Protein backbone atom coordinates (compact mmCIF):
# COMPACT_ATOMS: atom_id res chain seq x y z
CA MET A 1 66.36 255.59 -8.62
CA GLY A 2 64.97 253.03 -11.10
CA GLY A 3 68.46 252.40 -12.53
CA THR A 4 69.93 251.45 -9.14
CA GLY A 5 67.23 248.84 -8.46
CA THR A 6 67.87 247.24 -11.83
CA TRP A 7 71.60 247.00 -11.09
CA ILE A 8 70.94 245.41 -7.70
CA ILE A 9 68.64 242.79 -9.23
CA LEU A 10 71.22 242.09 -11.95
CA LEU A 11 74.07 241.71 -9.41
CA VAL A 12 71.97 239.40 -7.20
CA ALA A 13 71.08 237.24 -10.22
CA LEU A 14 74.73 237.05 -11.35
CA GLY A 15 75.85 236.24 -7.81
CA GLY A 16 73.25 233.47 -7.58
CA MET A 17 74.41 232.00 -10.88
CA PHE A 18 78.04 232.13 -9.75
CA ILE A 19 77.25 230.37 -6.46
CA TRP A 20 75.13 227.74 -8.22
CA THR A 21 77.93 227.05 -10.74
CA TRP A 22 80.55 226.87 -7.98
CA PHE A 23 78.53 224.35 -5.92
CA SER A 24 77.72 222.14 -8.89
CA SER A 25 81.38 222.05 -10.00
CA ARG A 26 82.44 221.12 -6.45
CA LYS A 27 79.86 218.34 -6.46
CA LYS A 28 81.19 217.07 -9.81
CA ASP A 29 84.80 217.23 -8.57
CA LYS A 30 83.86 215.26 -5.45
CA LYS A 31 82.15 212.60 -7.55
CA GLU A 32 85.19 212.29 -9.86
CA ALA A 33 87.60 212.08 -6.92
CA GLU A 34 85.43 209.36 -5.38
CA MET A 35 85.44 207.45 -8.69
CA ARG A 36 89.23 207.73 -9.04
CA ASN A 37 89.87 206.68 -5.43
CA GLY A 38 87.54 203.70 -5.89
CA ILE A 39 89.49 202.20 -8.79
CA THR A 40 90.48 198.60 -8.10
CA VAL A 41 92.44 195.92 -9.92
CA GLY A 42 90.32 194.43 -12.70
CA ASP A 43 88.35 197.59 -13.54
CA GLU A 44 88.17 198.59 -17.20
CA ILE A 45 88.84 202.33 -17.57
CA THR A 46 89.04 205.06 -20.19
CA THR A 47 91.66 207.79 -19.87
CA ILE A 48 91.23 211.45 -20.79
CA GLY A 49 93.37 210.71 -23.86
CA GLY A 50 91.00 207.96 -25.01
CA ILE A 51 93.12 204.94 -24.03
CA ILE A 52 91.01 202.01 -22.85
CA GLY A 53 92.54 199.37 -20.61
CA LYS A 54 92.22 197.03 -17.67
CA VAL A 55 93.75 198.04 -14.32
CA VAL A 56 96.59 195.70 -13.32
CA SER A 57 97.91 197.49 -10.20
CA VAL A 58 96.95 200.53 -8.13
CA LYS A 59 99.10 202.71 -5.86
CA ASP A 60 98.39 206.02 -4.10
CA GLU A 61 98.50 208.39 -7.10
CA THR A 62 99.38 206.04 -9.99
CA MET A 63 98.17 202.86 -11.60
CA VAL A 64 99.25 200.45 -14.31
CA ILE A 65 96.82 199.42 -17.05
CA GLU A 66 96.99 196.71 -19.68
CA THR A 67 95.77 197.83 -23.09
CA THR A 68 96.17 195.12 -25.73
CA ARG A 69 96.22 191.39 -26.23
CA ASP A 70 100.01 191.62 -26.19
CA HIS A 71 99.70 192.82 -22.58
CA THR A 72 101.11 196.28 -23.22
CA ARG A 73 101.31 198.02 -19.86
CA ILE A 74 101.07 201.78 -19.31
CA ARG A 75 101.66 203.65 -16.05
CA LEU A 76 99.16 206.48 -15.48
CA LEU A 77 98.23 209.06 -12.89
CA LYS A 78 94.81 208.52 -11.34
CA SER A 79 93.89 212.04 -12.45
CA ALA A 80 94.20 210.86 -16.09
CA VAL A 81 91.16 208.57 -15.71
CA ARG A 82 87.98 209.85 -17.36
CA SER A 83 85.66 206.99 -16.41
CA VAL A 84 85.42 203.47 -15.05
CA ASP A 85 83.63 201.61 -17.83
CA VAL A 86 83.26 198.15 -16.26
CA PRO A 87 83.97 197.80 -12.54
CA ALA A 88 85.59 194.55 -11.42
CA SER A 89 82.64 193.97 -9.07
CA ALA A 90 80.23 194.01 -12.04
CA LYS A 91 82.33 191.35 -13.74
CA ARG A 92 82.05 189.13 -10.66
CA VAL A 93 78.27 189.57 -10.57
CA SER A 94 77.91 188.80 -14.29
CA ALA A 95 80.15 185.74 -13.90
CA GLU A 96 77.90 184.50 -11.10
CA LYS A 97 74.82 185.02 -13.30
CA VAL A 98 76.46 183.04 -16.11
CA ALA A 99 77.20 180.22 -13.67
CA GLU A 100 73.58 180.24 -12.45
CA THR A 101 72.16 180.06 -15.96
CA ALA A 102 74.55 177.23 -16.81
CA GLU A 103 73.31 175.32 -13.76
CA LYS A 104 69.69 175.90 -14.77
CA LYS A 105 70.36 174.64 -18.29
CA ALA A 106 72.09 171.55 -16.89
CA GLU A 107 68.95 170.59 -14.92
CA PRO A 108 66.62 168.19 -16.72
CA ASP A 109 63.47 169.70 -18.16
CA LYS A 110 60.58 169.51 -15.74
CA LYS A 111 57.17 168.65 -17.12
CA LEU A 112 54.35 171.00 -16.25
CA ALA A 113 51.57 169.76 -14.02
CA PRO A 114 48.06 169.96 -15.55
CA ALA A 115 47.23 172.93 -13.28
CA GLU A 116 50.15 174.90 -14.75
CA LEU A 117 48.95 174.49 -18.33
CA LYS A 118 47.05 177.34 -19.88
CA GLU A 119 43.38 176.57 -20.20
CA ASP A 120 42.68 178.72 -23.25
CA LYS A 121 45.17 177.00 -25.58
CA PRO A 122 45.18 173.35 -26.61
CA VAL A 123 48.26 171.29 -25.91
CA LYS A 124 50.30 170.85 -29.07
CA LYS A 125 51.64 167.44 -29.92
CA THR A 126 54.97 166.99 -31.60
CA LYS A 127 54.88 165.87 -35.20
CA LYS A 128 55.57 162.25 -35.83
CA THR A 129 57.47 160.82 -38.74
CA LYS A 130 55.61 159.12 -41.59
CA LYS A 131 56.58 155.75 -40.22
CA GLU A 132 55.11 156.55 -36.80
CA GLU A 133 51.95 157.99 -38.37
CA ALA A 134 51.40 154.76 -40.25
CA THR A 135 51.63 152.71 -37.05
CA ALA A 136 49.80 155.00 -34.61
CA GLU A 137 46.85 157.33 -34.71
CA VAL A 138 47.44 161.00 -34.00
CA VAL A 139 45.13 162.23 -31.29
CA GLU A 140 44.26 165.93 -31.37
CA GLU A 141 43.17 167.46 -28.07
CA ALA A 142 40.21 169.81 -27.94
CA PRO A 143 40.37 173.20 -26.21
CA ALA A 144 39.81 173.05 -22.45
CA THR A 145 36.93 175.54 -22.48
CA GLU A 146 33.50 174.07 -21.92
CA GLU A 147 30.88 175.89 -23.96
CA ALA A 148 27.39 174.79 -24.82
CA PRO A 149 26.93 174.08 -28.52
CA ALA A 150 25.34 176.99 -30.35
CA THR A 151 21.72 176.20 -31.24
CA GLU A 152 18.83 178.28 -32.41
CA GLU A 153 17.19 178.00 -28.96
CA ASN A 154 20.24 179.49 -27.20
CA ASN A 155 20.53 182.37 -29.67
CA ALA A 156 16.86 183.43 -29.36
């Protein structure tokens, strides 16, 4: 009787593993099909053969990619795509970010108001040339913290 129970447990465990593997492979296949159906013009892809290129046109089951600077074009099945490396939408977003940073750099530098300055660090002055030092006095600013001078009465 003990041998039959062991076989039943073993068969249930193997059946569970089979079902788990089957569901996870279906999930992976669904994800890959979704990725392949979502390919658009401008995406950079990698094929299962290792060819990397930019999608130039997309049809139902095929696509054309451009692979080199000489604009070599290759016609592929969608099922030959391993991954979409850089989606065209990500390129648009990064181009917008580049434009925003260029606009920010083009704006003139704004000077900080005294409230925005850090209180614990003194403001640093730029160094002057020897000629300017001879004609003007360099003024060093003290730290903004207000502390009582250390005396023997305060320490006691």
